[in-house]
């Protein structure tokens, strides 16, 4: 008996549609998988730059709390880092939303997850995020300050470039970001040959951070509990249509929790202060905090950036356990 022809055999158009769908799915899988692998290679190279030897070693300021503005001295004691040795690198993981709208009244919030590495010897960080720009369309974003240079890069599927920036204005903005986010790595707020504090009333102080020939200055405001409540910049460069625009900026921190003996915020929001009002563009929740004590050894053994080299602190979950770079 002759078998009846299948519906696709009777309908060449349907057969072509099925084959096309299978091919598209295969191409999508290859693009996504291949893009993730290429992105991991770039990330590991940048992580090596993050912990490269520094020609200038920051030294403690060499004075007691009497030389610090009172709210700063209170803060450092309260969070528990005043006399505690700093790890080489702090790893942070966040999840939250990014506002992709550069201008106009409408906001375009998109979910993201991120891993971030913060160096404590020399100012430096690497922020690696996955943003859901559309369903099944991930955009990988790298925002970094490495060796005195700023870097911003976004790639569709980790492959196709959609945005990039560098140069001295970006470097200054990224050094500001490093200083502003120090409440998540509070060792960076201890006075040193690079960082100095100046008073500004009873509940505020200015931090000035120098790296090489570059210097940035931010105002830190402290709440009644002695913890950092907000950080402000009179002007921080942002890109609007690819053009750098100096704009007042603010970051807010909330819901502090003790992680491994260190008090850090678990919620944060950043916003541009435009003439028409505040424009929030980042809202995040801390999902993981871990320390790497010997980053250079981890680089030599090619384990840096993987789970193996970190001391995961209590009361944290594993965050993005399926990150291919962990394998």
Protein backbone atom coordinates (compact mmCIF):
# COMPACT_ATOMS: atom_id res chain seq x y z
CA UNK A 1 0.00 0.00 0.00
CA UNK A 2 1.32 3.44 -0.89
CA UNK A 3 1.55 5.86 2.04
CA UNK A 4 -0.50 9.03 1.76
CA UNK A 5 1.64 12.11 1.10
CA UNK A 6 2.21 14.38 4.09
CA UNK A 7 0.55 17.80 4.21
CA UNK A 8 3.90 19.45 3.57
CA UNK A 9 4.53 17.22 0.55
CA UNK A 10 1.13 18.16 -0.89
CA UNK A 11 1.84 21.86 -0.22
CA UNK A 12 5.28 23.06 -1.36
CA UNK A 13 4.66 26.47 0.24
CA UNK A 14 4.05 24.86 3.65
CA UNK A 15 7.19 22.73 3.23
CA UNK A 16 9.23 25.81 2.44
CA UNK A 17 7.76 27.63 5.41
CA UNK A 18 8.65 24.77 7.76
CA UNK A 19 12.18 24.49 6.40
CA UNK A 20 12.61 28.25 6.64
CA UNK A 21 11.43 28.24 10.24
CA UNK A 22 13.84 25.47 11.16
CA UNK A 23 16.67 27.30 9.43
CA UNK A 24 15.84 30.56 11.18
CA UNK A 25 15.75 28.82 14.56
CA UNK A 26 19.12 27.22 13.89
CA UNK A 27 20.60 30.55 12.80
CA UNK A 28 19.19 32.25 15.90
CA UNK A 29 20.69 29.57 18.16
CA UNK A 30 24.07 29.82 16.44
CA UNK A 31 24.06 33.61 16.65
CA UNK A 32 23.11 33.62 20.31
CA UNK A 33 25.53 30.87 21.31
CA UNK A 34 28.41 32.16 19.20
CA UNK A 35 27.81 35.72 20.39
CA UNK A 36 27.93 34.62 24.03
CA UNK A 37 31.25 32.85 23.45
CA UNK A 38 32.82 35.87 21.74
CA UNK A 39 31.54 38.17 24.48
CA UNK A 40 33.14 35.95 27.13
CA UNK A 41 36.50 36.20 25.38
CA UNK A 42 36.32 40.00 25.36
CA UNK A 43 35.25 40.06 28.98
CA UNK A 44 38.16 37.93 30.15
CA UNK A 45 40.62 40.20 28.35
CA UNK A 46 39.12 43.21 30.10
CA UNK A 47 39.21 41.49 33.46
CA UNK A 48 42.95 40.99 33.01
CA UNK A 49 43.30 44.72 32.42
CA UNK A 50 41.27 45.41 35.56
CA UNK A 51 43.84 43.71 37.80
CA UNK A 52 46.98 44.62 35.85
CA UNK A 53 49.90 45.84 38.05
CA UNK A 54 49.67 49.54 38.90
CA UNK A 55 52.66 51.84 38.81
CA UNK A 56 51.21 53.95 41.61
CA UNK A 57 50.10 52.27 44.81
CA UNK A 58 47.61 54.23 46.88
CA UNK A 59 48.75 54.63 50.48
CA UNK A 60 46.58 55.32 53.54
CA UNK A 61 46.17 58.99 54.35
CA UNK A 62 48.00 58.45 57.64
CA UNK A 63 45.63 60.36 59.90
CA UNK A 64 42.91 59.34 62.29
CA UNK A 65 39.23 60.04 62.30
CA UNK A 66 39.86 63.51 63.71
CA UNK A 67 40.96 64.66 60.26
CA UNK A 68 37.87 63.26 58.56
CA UNK A 69 34.54 65.08 58.31
CA UNK A 70 32.41 63.62 61.16
CA UNK A 71 29.76 61.99 58.91
CA UNK A 72 32.49 60.21 56.91
CA UNK A 73 34.19 58.87 60.05
CA UNK A 74 30.83 57.67 61.35
CA UNK A 75 30.02 56.00 58.04
CA UNK A 76 33.32 54.10 57.75
CA UNK A 77 32.95 52.75 61.29
CA UNK A 78 29.29 51.89 60.75
CA UNK A 79 29.81 49.85 57.56
CA UNK A 80 32.78 48.00 59.08
CA UNK A 81 35.71 48.75 56.74
CA UNK A 82 37.72 51.36 58.66
CA UNK A 83 40.51 48.95 59.64
CA UNK A 84 39.62 45.85 57.65
CA UNK A 85 41.96 44.75 54.80
CA UNK A 86 40.38 45.24 51.39
CA UNK A 87 39.93 42.33 48.95
CA UNK A 88 41.59 42.69 45.55
CA UNK A 89 38.26 42.67 43.70
CA UNK A 90 34.61 42.85 44.74
CA UNK A 91 32.07 41.13 42.51
CA UNK A 92 28.51 42.47 42.43
CA UNK A 93 25.42 41.16 40.70
CA UNK A 94 22.30 43.19 40.12
CA UNK A 95 18.95 42.79 38.47
CA UNK A 96 16.60 45.62 37.61
CA UNK A 97 15.50 47.96 34.84
CA UNK A 98 17.19 50.39 32.44
CA UNK A 99 15.45 53.36 30.86
CA UNK A 100 16.58 53.33 27.22
CA UNK A 101 14.89 56.65 26.33
CA UNK A 102 17.52 59.40 26.02
CA UNK A 103 15.08 62.30 25.76
CA UNK A 104 11.37 63.11 25.80
CA UNK A 105 8.67 62.53 28.41
CA UNK A 106 8.22 58.80 27.72
CA UNK A 107 10.30 56.19 29.54
CA UNK A 108 11.34 52.88 27.95
CA UNK A 109 12.19 50.59 30.84
CA UNK A 110 13.76 47.24 29.95
CA UNK A 111 14.85 44.46 32.34
CA UNK A 112 18.54 43.69 32.81
CA UNK A 113 20.86 41.44 34.80
CA UNK A 114 24.49 42.36 35.38
CA UNK A 115 27.79 41.26 36.82
CA UNK A 116 30.27 43.87 37.94
CA UNK A 117 33.85 43.65 39.11
CA UNK A 118 35.30 46.50 41.18
CA UNK A 119 39.04 46.82 41.86
CA UNK A 120 40.19 48.22 45.19
CA UNK A 121 43.94 48.75 44.55
CA UNK A 122 43.57 51.19 41.65
CA UNK A 123 40.25 52.74 40.60
CA UNK A 124 38.66 50.44 38.07
CA UNK A 125 35.50 48.48 37.32
CA UNK A 126 33.91 46.35 34.64
CA UNK A 127 30.11 46.24 34.32
CA UNK A 128 28.78 43.47 32.10
CA UNK A 129 25.03 43.52 31.53
CA UNK A 130 22.46 41.64 29.49
CA UNK A 131 19.52 43.88 28.54
CA UNK A 132 16.29 42.54 27.05
CA UNK A 133 15.79 45.16 24.35
CA UNK A 134 12.91 43.08 22.90
CA UNK A 135 11.58 39.53 23.38
CA UNK A 136 14.37 37.04 22.54
CA UNK A 137 16.69 39.91 21.55
CA UNK A 138 19.46 40.35 24.13
CA UNK A 139 21.87 43.27 24.02
CA UNK A 140 25.17 42.82 25.86
CA UNK A 141 26.56 46.02 27.36
CA UNK A 142 30.04 46.70 28.71
CA UNK A 143 30.64 49.86 30.74
CA UNK A 144 34.11 50.12 32.25
CA UNK A 145 36.97 52.14 33.65
CA UNK A 146 40.22 50.25 33.01
CA UNK A 147 43.75 51.56 33.42
CA UNK A 148 42.64 55.19 33.33
CA UNK A 149 40.46 54.79 30.21
CA UNK A 150 36.69 54.69 29.84
CA UNK A 151 34.83 52.20 27.66
CA UNK A 152 31.19 51.87 26.64
CA UNK A 153 30.10 49.18 24.21
CA UNK A 154 26.77 47.57 23.32
CA UNK A 155 26.35 44.61 20.95
CA UNK A 156 23.23 42.83 19.77
CA UNK A 157 23.57 39.15 20.74
CA UNK A 158 27.07 40.10 21.90
CA UNK A 159 28.16 40.38 18.23
CA UNK A 160 26.51 43.19 16.24
CA UNK A 161 27.70 46.66 17.39
CA UNK A 162 24.88 49.06 18.26
CA UNK A 163 26.74 51.66 20.36
CA UNK A 164 30.27 52.49 21.46
CA UNK A 165 32.17 55.37 23.03
CA UNK A 166 35.56 56.19 24.50
CA UNK A 167 37.81 59.21 25.02
CA UNK A 168 38.72 61.56 27.89
CA UNK A 169 35.17 62.79 28.62
CA UNK A 170 33.93 59.23 28.96
CA UNK A 171 36.93 58.34 31.14
CA UNK A 172 36.02 61.15 33.53
CA UNK A 173 32.38 60.01 33.62
CA UNK A 174 33.43 56.42 34.31
CA UNK A 175 35.79 57.48 37.12
CA UNK A 176 32.80 59.34 38.61
CA UNK A 177 30.76 56.16 38.38
CA UNK A 178 33.48 54.24 40.19
CA UNK A 179 33.45 56.76 43.05
CA UNK A 180 29.65 57.09 43.15
CA UNK A 181 29.13 53.33 43.43
CA UNK A 182 31.69 52.91 46.23
CA UNK A 183 28.95 52.24 48.84
CA UNK A 184 28.82 48.74 47.26
CA UNK A 185 32.59 48.45 47.79
CA UNK A 186 33.12 50.80 50.75
CA UNK A 187 36.87 50.24 51.04
CA UNK A 188 37.08 52.71 48.14
CA UNK A 189 35.84 55.50 50.43
CA UNK A 190 38.68 55.26 52.93
CA UNK A 191 41.02 58.29 52.79
CA UNK A 192 44.26 57.64 50.90
CA UNK A 193 46.84 59.32 48.69
CA UNK A 194 44.21 59.13 45.94
CA UNK A 195 41.05 60.04 47.88
CA UNK A 196 40.50 63.02 50.16
CA UNK A 197 37.44 64.31 51.97
CA UNK A 198 36.28 67.86 52.71
CA UNK A 199 33.34 68.83 54.96
CA UNK A 200 30.00 70.21 53.77
CA UNK A 201 27.74 70.74 56.76
CA UNK A 202 26.63 68.20 59.36
CA UNK A 203 25.38 65.46 57.03
CA UNK A 204 27.37 65.88 53.82
CA UNK A 205 30.95 65.83 52.56
CA UNK A 206 32.80 66.10 49.25
CA UNK A 207 35.01 63.26 48.04
CA UNK A 208 37.79 64.07 45.56
CA UNK A 209 39.33 61.11 43.75
CA UNK A 210 42.50 61.31 41.64
CA UNK A 211 43.73 58.73 39.15
CA UNK A 212 46.78 59.78 37.19
CA UNK A 213 46.17 63.28 35.85
CA UNK A 214 42.39 62.99 36.18
CA UNK A 215 40.39 64.16 39.19
CA UNK A 216 36.66 63.97 39.97
CA UNK A 217 34.60 65.37 42.84
CA UNK A 218 31.24 64.19 44.20
CA UNK A 219 29.02 65.18 47.11
CA UNK A 220 27.99 62.40 49.52
CA UNK A 221 24.95 62.92 51.75
CA UNK A 222 24.45 60.77 54.83
CA UNK A 223 21.16 59.83 56.46
CA UNK A 224 20.25 59.93 60.13
CA UNK A 225 21.49 56.34 60.39
CA UNK A 226 24.98 57.44 59.31
CA UNK A 227 24.84 55.62 55.94
CA UNK A 228 25.24 57.08 52.46
CA UNK A 229 21.82 58.24 51.31
CA UNK A 230 22.73 59.90 48.00
CA UNK A 231 25.66 60.93 45.80
CA UNK A 232 25.57 63.97 43.51
CA UNK A 233 27.64 65.35 40.65
CA UNK A 234 27.32 68.95 39.51
CA UNK A 235 27.97 67.73 35.97
CA UNK A 236 28.58 64.28 34.56
CA UNK A 237 28.92 63.53 30.86
CA UNK A 238 26.20 61.48 29.19
CA UNK A 239 25.59 60.67 25.54
CA UNK A 240 22.50 62.10 23.86
CA UNK A 241 22.29 61.08 20.22
CA UNK A 242 25.98 60.24 20.37
CA UNK A 243 26.88 63.75 21.58
CA UNK A 244 28.45 64.20 25.05
CA UNK A 245 26.30 66.46 27.27
CA UNK A 246 27.40 67.48 30.81
CA UNK A 247 24.36 67.01 33.07
CA UNK A 248 23.78 67.11 36.85
CA UNK A 249 23.46 63.59 38.21
CA UNK A 250 22.28 61.83 41.39
CA UNK A 251 22.46 58.30 42.75
CA UNK A 252 20.40 57.05 45.71
CA UNK A 253 20.95 54.03 47.95
CA UNK A 254 18.58 52.25 50.30
CA UNK A 255 17.86 49.11 52.31
CA UNK A 256 21.31 48.43 53.71
CA UNK A 257 22.11 44.88 54.77
CA UNK A 258 25.22 43.35 56.32
CA UNK A 259 26.98 40.94 53.98
CA UNK A 260 30.02 39.12 55.31
CA UNK A 261 30.52 41.75 58.00
CA UNK A 262 30.18 44.70 55.58
CA UNK A 263 27.12 46.94 55.45
CA UNK A 264 26.06 47.62 51.84
CA UNK A 265 22.92 48.92 50.12
CA UNK A 266 20.75 46.37 48.36
CA UNK A 267 18.65 48.88 46.40
CA UNK A 268 19.78 51.77 44.20
CA UNK A 269 18.58 54.27 41.61
CA UNK A 270 20.44 56.71 39.38
CA UNK A 271 19.00 59.69 37.52
CA UNK A 272 19.91 62.70 35.40
CA UNK A 273 18.73 66.03 36.82
CA UNK A 274 17.37 67.80 33.76
CA UNK A 275 15.84 71.32 33.67
CA UNK A 276 12.42 69.70 33.38
CA UNK A 277 12.92 67.38 36.32
CA UNK A 278 14.57 64.13 37.32
CA UNK A 279 15.02 61.39 34.69
CA UNK A 280 15.75 58.02 36.36
CA UNK A 281 17.59 55.62 34.06
CA UNK A 282 18.82 52.76 36.32
CA UNK A 283 17.02 50.90 39.09
CA UNK A 284 18.63 47.83 40.56
CA UNK A 285 18.63 45.29 43.36
CA UNK A 286 21.80 43.65 44.65
CA UNK A 287 21.53 39.86 44.30
CA UNK A 288 25.10 38.79 45.05
CA UNK A 289 28.24 40.13 46.71
CA UNK A 290 31.53 38.22 46.71
CA UNK A 291 35.24 38.86 47.23
CA UNK A 292 38.34 37.80 45.30
CA UNK A 293 41.41 37.97 47.53
CA UNK A 294 44.11 37.13 44.95
CA UNK A 295 42.97 38.34 41.54
CA UNK A 296 46.38 38.16 39.86
CA UNK A 297 46.80 34.50 40.75
CA UNK A 298 43.29 33.87 39.43
CA UNK A 299 44.30 35.55 36.15
CA UNK A 300 47.40 33.37 35.86
CA UNK A 301 45.34 30.22 36.40
CA UNK A 302 42.64 31.46 34.00
CA UNK A 303 39.95 31.22 36.65
CA UNK A 304 39.33 34.94 37.13
CA UNK A 305 35.72 35.84 36.40
CA UNK A 306 34.50 32.33 37.29
CA UNK A 307 32.73 31.22 40.45
CA UNK A 308 35.82 29.34 41.67
CA UNK A 309 37.84 32.33 42.89
CA UNK A 310 35.20 34.14 44.92
CA UNK A 311 34.19 33.92 48.54
CA UNK A 312 30.41 34.09 48.33
CA UNK A 313 29.03 35.85 51.36
CA UNK A 314 26.14 34.55 53.46
CA UNK A 315 22.48 35.18 52.64
CA UNK A 316 23.12 35.49 48.91
CA UNK A 317 21.93 33.36 46.02
CA UNK A 318 24.03 32.38 43.04
CA UNK A 319 22.65 35.04 40.72
CA UNK A 320 23.13 34.18 37.06
CA UNK A 321 24.15 30.52 37.48
CA UNK A 322 23.83 29.89 33.76
CA UNK A 323 26.38 32.47 32.65
CA UNK A 324 28.43 30.58 30.01
CA UNK A 325 31.58 32.36 31.16
CA UNK A 326 31.40 30.40 34.44
CA UNK A 327 32.00 27.10 32.69
